[in-house]
């Protein structure tokens, strides 16, 4: 298990499960230590969801605005490495250059100055995907659907399967 020091002197650990999850975000791995070194952990022990400003271009955002669809409308989807269900994608699109990296982490049970990394990616914060098991309410699911009906990931064949046509209604029903 890897451990990184935060700006405030805390620690963010990367579990084996998170390392597997990060295979879908290979571009962030080489700057992860530097990124976490700029993070300040919440004092209250709450979930950490932050955009870290790197003060230089660190890559291209993988999430972009997409033509608005309704839940039953057809769109393109592909399944990313380490994910249980597909993601809405835009094949052939290009993300904008960005200076930001997202870090999501939760407090470790045993110590408030230690957090466990959930994921990290180059770009800005995004809603959970509508199929995410961590969605806790119908309101949160609706917010997620609203976001993903107007956003998509850039299709990357290195970390995603074949593009296919479907709808959020079909994806969530499967």
N, C-alpha and C. Protein backbone atom coordinates (compact mmCIF):
# COMPACT_ATOMS: atom_id res chain seq x y z
N UNK A 1 0.84 -1.17 0.00
CA UNK A 1 0.00 0.00 0.00
C UNK A 1 0.89 1.25 0.00
N UNK A 2 0.61 2.17 -0.94
CA UNK A 2 1.38 3.40 -1.03
C UNK A 2 0.81 4.43 -0.06
N UNK A 3 1.70 5.30 0.47
CA UNK A 3 1.29 6.38 1.37
C UNK A 3 1.92 7.67 0.88
N UNK A 4 1.09 8.75 0.88
CA UNK A 4 1.56 10.07 0.46
C UNK A 4 1.24 11.08 1.55
N UNK A 5 2.17 12.01 1.78
CA UNK A 5 1.97 13.08 2.76
C UNK A 5 1.20 14.24 2.13
N UNK A 6 0.29 14.82 2.92
CA UNK A 6 -0.48 15.97 2.49
C UNK A 6 0.20 17.26 2.96
N UNK A 7 -0.28 18.39 2.44
CA UNK A 7 0.27 19.69 2.81
C UNK A 7 0.13 19.96 4.31
N UNK A 8 -0.94 19.45 4.90
CA UNK A 8 -1.21 19.69 6.32
C UNK A 8 -0.54 18.68 7.25
N UNK A 9 0.28 17.78 6.69
CA UNK A 9 0.98 16.80 7.52
C UNK A 9 0.25 15.49 7.69
N UNK A 10 -0.91 15.36 7.09
CA UNK A 10 -1.66 14.10 7.14
C UNK A 10 -1.12 13.11 6.12
N UNK A 11 -1.84 12.02 5.99
CA UNK A 11 -1.44 10.96 5.06
C UNK A 11 -2.65 10.52 4.26
N UNK A 12 -2.43 10.29 2.97
CA UNK A 12 -3.44 9.64 2.13
C UNK A 12 -2.82 8.34 1.64
N UNK A 13 -3.49 7.24 1.93
CA UNK A 13 -3.00 5.93 1.52
C UNK A 13 -3.75 5.48 0.27
N UNK A 14 -3.05 4.71 -0.55
CA UNK A 14 -3.64 4.17 -1.78
C UNK A 14 -3.70 2.66 -1.63
N UNK A 15 -4.92 2.14 -1.48
CA UNK A 15 -5.11 0.70 -1.30
C UNK A 15 -4.89 -0.02 -2.62
N UNK A 16 -4.79 -1.33 -2.54
CA UNK A 16 -4.65 -2.13 -3.76
C UNK A 16 -5.90 -1.99 -4.64
N UNK A 17 -7.07 -1.90 -4.00
CA UNK A 17 -8.32 -1.71 -4.74
C UNK A 17 -8.29 -0.38 -5.50
N UNK A 18 -7.79 0.68 -4.85
CA UNK A 18 -7.70 1.98 -5.51
C UNK A 18 -6.67 1.95 -6.64
N UNK A 19 -5.56 1.26 -6.44
CA UNK A 19 -4.58 1.13 -7.52
C UNK A 19 -5.23 0.51 -8.75
N UNK A 20 -6.07 -0.49 -8.55
CA UNK A 20 -6.79 -1.12 -9.67
C UNK A 20 -7.75 -0.11 -10.32
N UNK A 21 -8.45 0.65 -9.47
CA UNK A 21 -9.38 1.67 -9.97
C UNK A 21 -8.64 2.72 -10.79
N UNK A 22 -7.45 3.11 -10.36
CA UNK A 22 -6.68 4.15 -11.04
C UNK A 22 -6.12 3.70 -12.40
N UNK A 23 -6.24 2.43 -12.71
CA UNK A 23 -5.82 1.97 -14.05
C UNK A 23 -6.61 2.69 -15.13
N UNK A 24 -7.82 3.16 -14.80
CA UNK A 24 -8.63 3.91 -15.76
C UNK A 24 -8.20 5.37 -15.85
N UNK A 25 -7.25 5.78 -15.00
CA UNK A 25 -6.73 7.16 -14.99
C UNK A 25 -5.20 7.14 -14.97
N UNK A 26 -4.57 6.51 -15.95
CA UNK A 26 -3.10 6.36 -15.91
C UNK A 26 -2.35 7.69 -15.91
N UNK A 27 -2.94 8.72 -16.51
CA UNK A 27 -2.27 10.01 -16.63
C UNK A 27 -2.07 10.69 -15.28
N UNK A 28 -2.86 10.35 -14.28
CA UNK A 28 -2.75 11.00 -12.97
C UNK A 28 -1.69 10.34 -12.10
N UNK A 29 -1.34 9.11 -12.40
CA UNK A 29 -0.45 8.36 -11.51
C UNK A 29 0.93 8.99 -11.36
N UNK A 30 1.46 9.57 -12.43
CA UNK A 30 2.80 10.15 -12.32
C UNK A 30 2.85 11.47 -11.56
N UNK A 31 1.69 12.09 -11.32
CA UNK A 31 1.66 13.34 -10.55
C UNK A 31 0.89 13.19 -9.25
N UNK A 32 0.56 11.97 -8.86
CA UNK A 32 -0.26 11.75 -7.68
C UNK A 32 0.43 12.22 -6.40
N UNK A 33 1.70 11.91 -6.21
CA UNK A 33 2.42 12.33 -5.00
C UNK A 33 2.45 13.86 -4.91
N UNK A 34 2.74 14.52 -6.01
CA UNK A 34 2.77 15.98 -6.03
C UNK A 34 1.38 16.56 -5.73
N UNK A 35 0.36 15.97 -6.34
CA UNK A 35 -1.01 16.43 -6.13
C UNK A 35 -1.42 16.31 -4.68
N UNK A 36 -1.22 15.14 -4.10
CA UNK A 36 -1.61 14.91 -2.70
C UNK A 36 -0.80 15.82 -1.77
N UNK A 37 0.41 16.15 -2.15
CA UNK A 37 1.23 17.06 -1.36
C UNK A 37 0.65 18.46 -1.28
N UNK A 38 -0.31 18.80 -2.12
CA UNK A 38 -0.97 20.11 -2.11
C UNK A 38 -2.32 20.09 -1.39
N UNK A 39 -2.74 18.92 -0.92
CA UNK A 39 -4.05 18.75 -0.30
C UNK A 39 -3.99 19.05 1.20
N UNK A 40 -5.03 19.71 1.70
CA UNK A 40 -5.25 19.85 3.14
C UNK A 40 -6.47 19.02 3.50
N UNK A 41 -6.32 18.15 4.47
CA UNK A 41 -7.42 17.28 4.88
C UNK A 41 -8.47 18.06 5.67
N UNK A 42 -9.74 17.68 5.56
CA UNK A 42 -10.79 18.34 6.34
C UNK A 42 -10.53 18.13 7.84
N UNK A 43 -10.79 19.14 8.63
CA UNK A 43 -10.57 19.04 10.08
C UNK A 43 -11.65 18.20 10.76
N UNK A 44 -12.81 18.13 10.15
CA UNK A 44 -13.94 17.44 10.78
C UNK A 44 -14.00 15.95 10.47
N UNK A 45 -13.07 15.43 9.69
CA UNK A 45 -13.09 14.01 9.35
C UNK A 45 -14.15 13.65 8.33
N UNK A 46 -14.57 14.63 7.52
CA UNK A 46 -15.58 14.36 6.50
C UNK A 46 -14.92 13.91 5.19
N UNK A 47 -15.74 13.43 4.28
CA UNK A 47 -15.27 12.98 2.97
C UNK A 47 -14.54 14.12 2.27
N UNK A 48 -13.44 13.82 1.62
CA UNK A 48 -12.66 14.80 0.88
C UNK A 48 -12.97 14.69 -0.61
N UNK A 49 -13.48 15.76 -1.18
CA UNK A 49 -13.72 15.86 -2.62
C UNK A 49 -13.21 17.24 -3.02
N UNK A 50 -12.03 17.28 -3.65
CA UNK A 50 -11.41 18.56 -3.92
C UNK A 50 -10.76 18.60 -5.30
N UNK A 51 -10.71 19.80 -5.86
CA UNK A 51 -9.95 20.07 -7.08
C UNK A 51 -8.65 20.73 -6.64
N UNK A 52 -7.53 20.16 -7.04
CA UNK A 52 -6.23 20.68 -6.68
C UNK A 52 -5.68 21.48 -7.87
N UNK A 53 -5.36 22.73 -7.63
CA UNK A 53 -4.77 23.60 -8.65
C UNK A 53 -3.27 23.32 -8.71
N UNK A 54 -2.81 22.88 -9.88
CA UNK A 54 -1.39 22.50 -10.04
C UNK A 54 -0.54 23.65 -10.58
N UNK A 55 -1.14 24.76 -10.98
CA UNK A 55 -0.44 25.96 -11.47
C UNK A 55 0.35 25.73 -12.76
N UNK A 56 -0.01 24.70 -13.48
CA UNK A 56 0.56 24.43 -14.81
C UNK A 56 -0.38 23.45 -15.50
N UNK A 57 -0.32 23.38 -16.79
CA UNK A 57 -1.14 22.42 -17.52
C UNK A 57 -0.63 21.02 -17.20
N UNK A 58 -1.57 20.15 -16.76
CA UNK A 58 -1.20 18.79 -16.39
C UNK A 58 -1.81 17.74 -17.32
N UNK A 59 -2.62 18.18 -18.27
CA UNK A 59 -3.22 17.23 -19.20
C UNK A 59 -4.52 17.76 -19.75
N UNK A 60 -5.28 16.84 -20.32
CA UNK A 60 -6.58 17.17 -20.91
C UNK A 60 -7.68 16.60 -20.04
N UNK A 61 -8.72 17.39 -19.85
CA UNK A 61 -9.87 16.92 -19.09
C UNK A 61 -10.53 15.77 -19.84
N UNK A 62 -10.84 14.71 -19.12
CA UNK A 62 -11.48 13.56 -19.75
C UNK A 62 -12.99 13.63 -19.77
N UNK A 63 -13.56 14.61 -19.07
CA UNK A 63 -15.01 14.79 -19.01
C UNK A 63 -15.36 16.10 -19.70
N UNK A 64 -16.34 16.04 -20.60
CA UNK A 64 -16.70 17.23 -21.37
C UNK A 64 -18.21 17.40 -21.39
N UNK A 65 -18.63 18.64 -21.68
CA UNK A 65 -20.06 18.86 -21.91
C UNK A 65 -20.43 18.12 -23.19
N UNK A 66 -21.63 17.56 -23.17
CA UNK A 66 -22.11 16.77 -24.31
C UNK A 66 -23.52 17.24 -24.67
N UNK A 67 -23.97 16.94 -25.88
CA UNK A 67 -25.35 17.29 -26.22
C UNK A 67 -26.31 16.67 -25.20
N UNK A 68 -27.23 17.47 -24.74
CA UNK A 68 -28.19 17.04 -23.71
C UNK A 68 -29.07 15.91 -24.24
N UNK A 69 -29.21 14.88 -23.42
CA UNK A 69 -30.13 13.77 -23.73
C UNK A 69 -31.10 13.60 -22.57
N UNK A 70 -32.16 12.88 -22.82
CA UNK A 70 -33.07 12.47 -21.75
C UNK A 70 -32.70 11.04 -21.36
N UNK A 71 -33.19 10.58 -20.24
CA UNK A 71 -32.81 9.27 -19.70
C UNK A 71 -33.07 8.14 -20.69
N UNK A 72 -34.12 8.23 -21.49
CA UNK A 72 -34.44 7.18 -22.44
C UNK A 72 -33.83 7.36 -23.82
N UNK A 73 -33.13 8.47 -24.05
CA UNK A 73 -32.53 8.74 -25.37
C UNK A 73 -31.27 7.90 -25.59
N UNK A 74 -31.05 7.53 -26.83
CA UNK A 74 -29.85 6.79 -27.20
C UNK A 74 -28.64 7.72 -27.19
N UNK A 75 -27.51 7.16 -26.74
CA UNK A 75 -26.23 7.86 -26.73
C UNK A 75 -25.14 6.79 -26.78
N UNK A 76 -23.89 7.23 -26.82
CA UNK A 76 -22.78 6.27 -26.85
C UNK A 76 -22.29 5.99 -25.43
N UNK A 77 -21.96 4.73 -25.19
CA UNK A 77 -21.45 4.27 -23.90
C UNK A 77 -20.27 3.34 -24.14
N UNK A 78 -19.43 3.20 -23.11
CA UNK A 78 -18.34 2.22 -23.11
C UNK A 78 -18.02 1.91 -21.65
N UNK A 79 -17.50 0.74 -21.41
CA UNK A 79 -17.18 0.34 -20.04
C UNK A 79 -15.70 0.53 -19.77
N UNK A 80 -15.39 1.25 -18.69
CA UNK A 80 -14.00 1.49 -18.30
C UNK A 80 -13.45 0.33 -17.48
N UNK A 81 -12.13 0.22 -17.47
CA UNK A 81 -11.44 -0.77 -16.64
C UNK A 81 -11.88 -0.59 -15.20
N UNK A 82 -12.19 -1.68 -14.53
CA UNK A 82 -12.50 -1.66 -13.11
C UNK A 82 -13.86 -1.09 -12.76
N UNK A 83 -14.74 -0.94 -13.72
CA UNK A 83 -16.08 -0.41 -13.44
C UNK A 83 -17.11 -1.49 -13.70
N UNK A 84 -18.20 -1.44 -12.95
CA UNK A 84 -19.24 -2.46 -13.07
C UNK A 84 -20.22 -2.21 -14.20
N UNK A 85 -20.37 -0.94 -14.59
CA UNK A 85 -21.33 -0.59 -15.63
C UNK A 85 -20.69 0.44 -16.57
N UNK A 86 -21.29 0.64 -17.73
CA UNK A 86 -20.74 1.58 -18.71
C UNK A 86 -20.93 3.04 -18.34
N UNK A 87 -20.16 3.86 -19.03
CA UNK A 87 -20.14 5.30 -18.88
C UNK A 87 -20.55 5.93 -20.21
N UNK A 88 -21.22 7.06 -20.16
CA UNK A 88 -21.52 7.80 -21.39
C UNK A 88 -20.21 8.35 -21.93
N UNK A 89 -19.99 8.18 -23.25
CA UNK A 89 -18.74 8.63 -23.88
C UNK A 89 -19.03 9.43 -25.15
N UNK A 90 -18.04 10.23 -25.53
CA UNK A 90 -18.06 10.94 -26.80
C UNK A 90 -16.83 10.49 -27.60
N UNK A 91 -17.02 9.58 -28.53
CA UNK A 91 -15.88 9.13 -29.34
C UNK A 91 -15.36 10.29 -30.21
N UNK A 92 -14.04 10.39 -30.30
CA UNK A 92 -13.42 11.38 -31.18
C UNK A 92 -13.36 12.79 -30.63
N UNK A 93 -13.93 13.04 -29.47
CA UNK A 93 -13.87 14.38 -28.87
C UNK A 93 -12.51 14.58 -28.21
N UNK A 94 -12.20 15.83 -27.92
CA UNK A 94 -10.94 16.17 -27.25
C UNK A 94 -11.26 17.06 -26.06
N UNK A 95 -10.71 16.72 -24.92
CA UNK A 95 -10.92 17.53 -23.72
C UNK A 95 -10.06 18.78 -23.74
N UNK A 96 -10.44 19.73 -22.93
CA UNK A 96 -9.68 20.99 -22.82
C UNK A 96 -8.47 20.79 -21.92
N UNK A 97 -7.41 21.55 -22.19
CA UNK A 97 -6.25 21.54 -21.31
C UNK A 97 -6.70 22.01 -19.93
N UNK A 98 -6.11 21.43 -18.89
CA UNK A 98 -6.50 21.79 -17.53
C UNK A 98 -5.29 21.84 -16.61
N UNK A 99 -5.43 22.61 -15.57
CA UNK A 99 -4.40 22.74 -14.54
C UNK A 99 -4.86 22.08 -13.24
N UNK A 100 -5.98 21.35 -13.29
CA UNK A 100 -6.59 20.80 -12.08
C UNK A 100 -6.56 19.28 -12.04
N UNK A 101 -6.49 18.78 -10.80
CA UNK A 101 -6.56 17.35 -10.54
C UNK A 101 -7.56 17.15 -9.40
N UNK A 102 -8.45 16.21 -9.54
CA UNK A 102 -9.44 15.89 -8.51
C UNK A 102 -8.90 14.80 -7.59
N UNK A 103 -9.14 14.96 -6.30
CA UNK A 103 -8.80 13.94 -5.30
C UNK A 103 -10.05 13.66 -4.47
N UNK A 104 -10.43 12.38 -4.41
CA UNK A 104 -11.54 11.93 -3.56
C UNK A 104 -10.98 10.93 -2.56
N UNK A 105 -11.27 11.15 -1.27
CA UNK A 105 -10.75 10.26 -0.23
C UNK A 105 -11.68 10.28 0.97
N UNK A 106 -11.63 9.20 1.76
CA UNK A 106 -12.43 9.14 2.98
C UNK A 106 -11.52 8.91 4.17
N UNK A 107 -11.95 9.34 5.37
CA UNK A 107 -11.11 9.17 6.55
C UNK A 107 -10.96 7.70 6.91
N UNK A 108 -9.74 7.31 7.27
CA UNK A 108 -9.51 5.95 7.77
C UNK A 108 -10.16 5.84 9.14
N UNK A 109 -10.69 4.71 9.46
CA UNK A 109 -11.41 4.51 10.73
C UNK A 109 -10.53 4.83 11.94
N UNK A 110 -9.29 4.42 11.89
CA UNK A 110 -8.44 4.46 13.08
C UNK A 110 -7.82 5.82 13.38
N UNK A 111 -7.72 6.70 12.40
CA UNK A 111 -7.01 7.96 12.65
C UNK A 111 -7.54 9.07 11.75
N UNK A 112 -7.81 10.25 12.33
CA UNK A 112 -8.38 11.35 11.56
C UNK A 112 -7.37 12.02 10.64
N UNK A 113 -6.08 11.83 10.87
CA UNK A 113 -5.08 12.45 9.99
C UNK A 113 -4.69 11.53 8.83
N UNK A 114 -5.37 10.40 8.73
CA UNK A 114 -5.12 9.46 7.63
C UNK A 114 -6.40 9.27 6.83
N UNK A 115 -6.27 9.41 5.52
CA UNK A 115 -7.39 9.22 4.60
C UNK A 115 -7.03 8.12 3.62
N UNK A 116 -8.05 7.52 3.03
CA UNK A 116 -7.87 6.48 2.01
C UNK A 116 -8.35 7.05 0.68
N UNK A 117 -7.48 7.03 -0.31
CA UNK A 117 -7.84 7.55 -1.63
C UNK A 117 -8.90 6.66 -2.27
N UNK A 118 -9.95 7.30 -2.78
CA UNK A 118 -10.99 6.59 -3.54
C UNK A 118 -10.60 6.61 -5.01
N UNK A 119 -10.29 7.81 -5.51
CA UNK A 119 -9.88 7.97 -6.90
C UNK A 119 -9.28 9.35 -7.09
N UNK A 120 -8.68 9.53 -8.23
CA UNK A 120 -8.13 10.82 -8.63
C UNK A 120 -8.11 10.86 -10.15
N UNK A 121 -8.32 12.06 -10.70
CA UNK A 121 -8.26 12.20 -12.15
C UNK A 121 -7.89 13.61 -12.52
N UNK A 122 -7.41 13.78 -13.74
CA UNK A 122 -7.08 15.10 -14.26
C UNK A 122 -8.38 15.74 -14.74
N UNK A 123 -8.63 16.97 -14.27
CA UNK A 123 -9.85 17.68 -14.64
C UNK A 123 -10.56 18.23 -13.43
N UNK A 124 -11.85 18.41 -13.55
CA UNK A 124 -12.65 19.01 -12.49
C UNK A 124 -13.62 18.00 -11.89
N UNK A 125 -14.20 18.36 -10.76
CA UNK A 125 -15.15 17.48 -10.09
C UNK A 125 -16.32 17.14 -11.00
N UNK A 126 -16.81 15.94 -10.86
CA UNK A 126 -17.97 15.47 -11.63
C UNK A 126 -18.89 14.71 -10.68
N UNK A 127 -20.14 14.61 -11.04
CA UNK A 127 -21.09 13.83 -10.25
C UNK A 127 -20.76 12.35 -10.33
N UNK A 128 -21.20 11.62 -9.30
CA UNK A 128 -21.11 10.16 -9.36
C UNK A 128 -21.88 9.70 -10.57
N UNK A 129 -21.52 8.55 -11.10
CA UNK A 129 -22.30 8.02 -12.22
C UNK A 129 -23.62 7.46 -11.68
N UNK A 130 -24.68 7.49 -12.47
CA UNK A 130 -26.01 7.11 -11.98
C UNK A 130 -26.09 5.69 -11.40
N UNK A 131 -25.20 4.81 -11.79
CA UNK A 131 -25.21 3.44 -11.28
C UNK A 131 -24.35 3.25 -10.03
N UNK A 132 -23.71 4.29 -9.55
CA UNK A 132 -22.78 4.21 -8.41
C UNK A 132 -23.51 3.70 -7.16
N UNK A 133 -22.97 2.67 -6.55
CA UNK A 133 -23.58 2.08 -5.36
C UNK A 133 -23.53 3.01 -4.15
N UNK A 134 -22.74 4.06 -4.21
CA UNK A 134 -22.63 5.00 -3.09
C UNK A 134 -23.65 6.13 -3.15
N UNK A 135 -24.52 6.13 -4.13
CA UNK A 135 -25.59 7.12 -4.18
C UNK A 135 -26.59 6.76 -3.08
N UNK A 136 -26.90 7.74 -2.23
CA UNK A 136 -27.68 7.47 -1.02
C UNK A 136 -29.13 7.93 -1.05
N UNK A 137 -29.53 8.67 -2.09
CA UNK A 137 -30.91 9.15 -2.11
C UNK A 137 -31.39 9.30 -3.55
N UNK A 138 -32.70 9.38 -3.69
CA UNK A 138 -33.27 9.59 -5.02
C UNK A 138 -32.86 10.96 -5.55
N UNK A 139 -32.74 11.95 -4.67
CA UNK A 139 -32.31 13.29 -5.07
C UNK A 139 -30.87 13.26 -5.62
N UNK A 140 -30.01 12.53 -4.94
CA UNK A 140 -28.62 12.41 -5.41
C UNK A 140 -28.57 11.68 -6.76
N UNK A 141 -29.40 10.65 -6.93
CA UNK A 141 -29.44 9.93 -8.21
C UNK A 141 -29.91 10.85 -9.33
N UNK A 142 -30.91 11.68 -9.04
CA UNK A 142 -31.42 12.61 -10.06
C UNK A 142 -30.37 13.64 -10.43
N UNK A 143 -29.63 14.16 -9.44
CA UNK A 143 -28.53 15.10 -9.73
C UNK A 143 -27.49 14.44 -10.62
N UNK A 144 -27.18 13.18 -10.33
CA UNK A 144 -26.23 12.43 -11.13
C UNK A 144 -26.72 12.27 -12.56
N UNK A 145 -27.97 11.86 -12.72
CA UNK A 145 -28.55 11.70 -14.07
C UNK A 145 -28.56 13.03 -14.82
N UNK A 146 -28.92 14.12 -14.14
CA UNK A 146 -28.91 15.43 -14.79
C UNK A 146 -27.51 15.76 -15.31
N UNK A 147 -26.49 15.49 -14.49
CA UNK A 147 -25.12 15.77 -14.91
C UNK A 147 -24.73 14.91 -16.11
N UNK A 148 -24.93 13.59 -16.01
CA UNK A 148 -24.46 12.68 -17.06
C UNK A 148 -25.34 12.69 -18.31
N UNK A 149 -26.50 13.34 -18.25
CA UNK A 149 -27.29 13.54 -19.46
C UNK A 149 -26.77 14.74 -20.25
N UNK A 150 -25.88 15.53 -19.66
CA UNK A 150 -25.31 16.68 -20.37
C UNK A 150 -23.78 16.66 -20.36
N UNK A 151 -23.18 15.57 -19.91
CA UNK A 151 -21.72 15.41 -19.90
C UNK A 151 -21.38 13.98 -20.34
N UNK A 152 -20.15 13.80 -20.76
CA UNK A 152 -19.66 12.47 -21.14
C UNK A 152 -18.15 12.44 -20.98
N UNK A 153 -17.61 11.24 -20.95
CA UNK A 153 -16.16 11.08 -20.95
C UNK A 153 -15.68 10.96 -22.39
N UNK A 154 -14.47 11.40 -22.62
CA UNK A 154 -13.83 11.18 -23.92
C UNK A 154 -13.55 9.68 -24.02
N UNK A 155 -13.94 9.06 -25.12
CA UNK A 155 -13.66 7.63 -25.25
C UNK A 155 -12.16 7.41 -25.42
N UNK A 156 -11.61 6.58 -24.55
CA UNK A 156 -10.18 6.23 -24.59
C UNK A 156 -10.07 4.72 -24.71
N UNK A 157 -9.75 4.20 -25.90
CA UNK A 157 -9.70 2.75 -26.09
C UNK A 157 -8.62 2.06 -25.24
N UNK A 158 -7.68 2.82 -24.69
CA UNK A 158 -6.65 2.24 -23.82
C UNK A 158 -7.22 1.78 -22.48
N UNK A 159 -8.31 2.44 -22.03
CA UNK A 159 -8.86 2.12 -20.71
C UNK A 159 -10.36 1.83 -20.75
N UNK A 160 -10.93 1.77 -21.97
CA UNK A 160 -12.36 1.51 -22.13
C UNK A 160 -12.59 0.45 -23.19
N UNK A 161 -13.72 -0.22 -23.06
CA UNK A 161 -14.10 -1.21 -24.06
C UNK A 161 -14.70 -0.55 -25.30
N UNK A 162 -15.29 -1.37 -26.12
CA UNK A 162 -15.90 -0.94 -27.38
C UNK A 162 -17.09 -0.01 -27.13
N UNK A 163 -17.21 0.99 -27.97
CA UNK A 163 -18.34 1.93 -27.90
C UNK A 163 -19.59 1.24 -28.41
N UNK A 164 -20.71 1.45 -27.72
CA UNK A 164 -21.99 0.92 -28.17
C UNK A 164 -23.07 1.94 -27.87
N UNK A 165 -24.22 1.77 -28.53
CA UNK A 165 -25.33 2.68 -28.34
C UNK A 165 -26.30 2.10 -27.32
N UNK A 166 -26.75 2.95 -26.39
CA UNK A 166 -27.70 2.54 -25.38
C UNK A 166 -28.34 3.81 -24.79
N UNK A 167 -29.03 3.68 -23.69
CA UNK A 167 -29.61 4.82 -22.98
C UNK A 167 -29.34 4.63 -21.49
N UNK A 168 -29.43 5.72 -20.72
CA UNK A 168 -29.28 5.58 -19.27
C UNK A 168 -30.35 4.66 -18.72
N UNK A 169 -31.54 4.73 -19.28
CA UNK A 169 -32.63 3.87 -18.82
C UNK A 169 -32.25 2.39 -18.97
N UNK A 170 -31.67 2.02 -20.12
CA UNK A 170 -31.25 0.64 -20.35
C UNK A 170 -30.06 0.27 -19.45
N UNK A 171 -29.10 1.15 -19.31
CA UNK A 171 -27.91 0.88 -18.48
C UNK A 171 -28.33 0.65 -17.03
N UNK A 172 -29.21 1.48 -16.52
CA UNK A 172 -29.62 1.36 -15.12
C UNK A 172 -30.56 0.19 -14.89
N UNK A 173 -31.25 -0.24 -15.94
CA UNK A 173 -32.15 -1.38 -15.83
C UNK A 173 -31.45 -2.72 -15.91
N UNK A 174 -30.20 -2.71 -16.39
CA UNK A 174 -29.48 -3.99 -16.56
C UNK A 174 -28.78 -4.43 -15.31
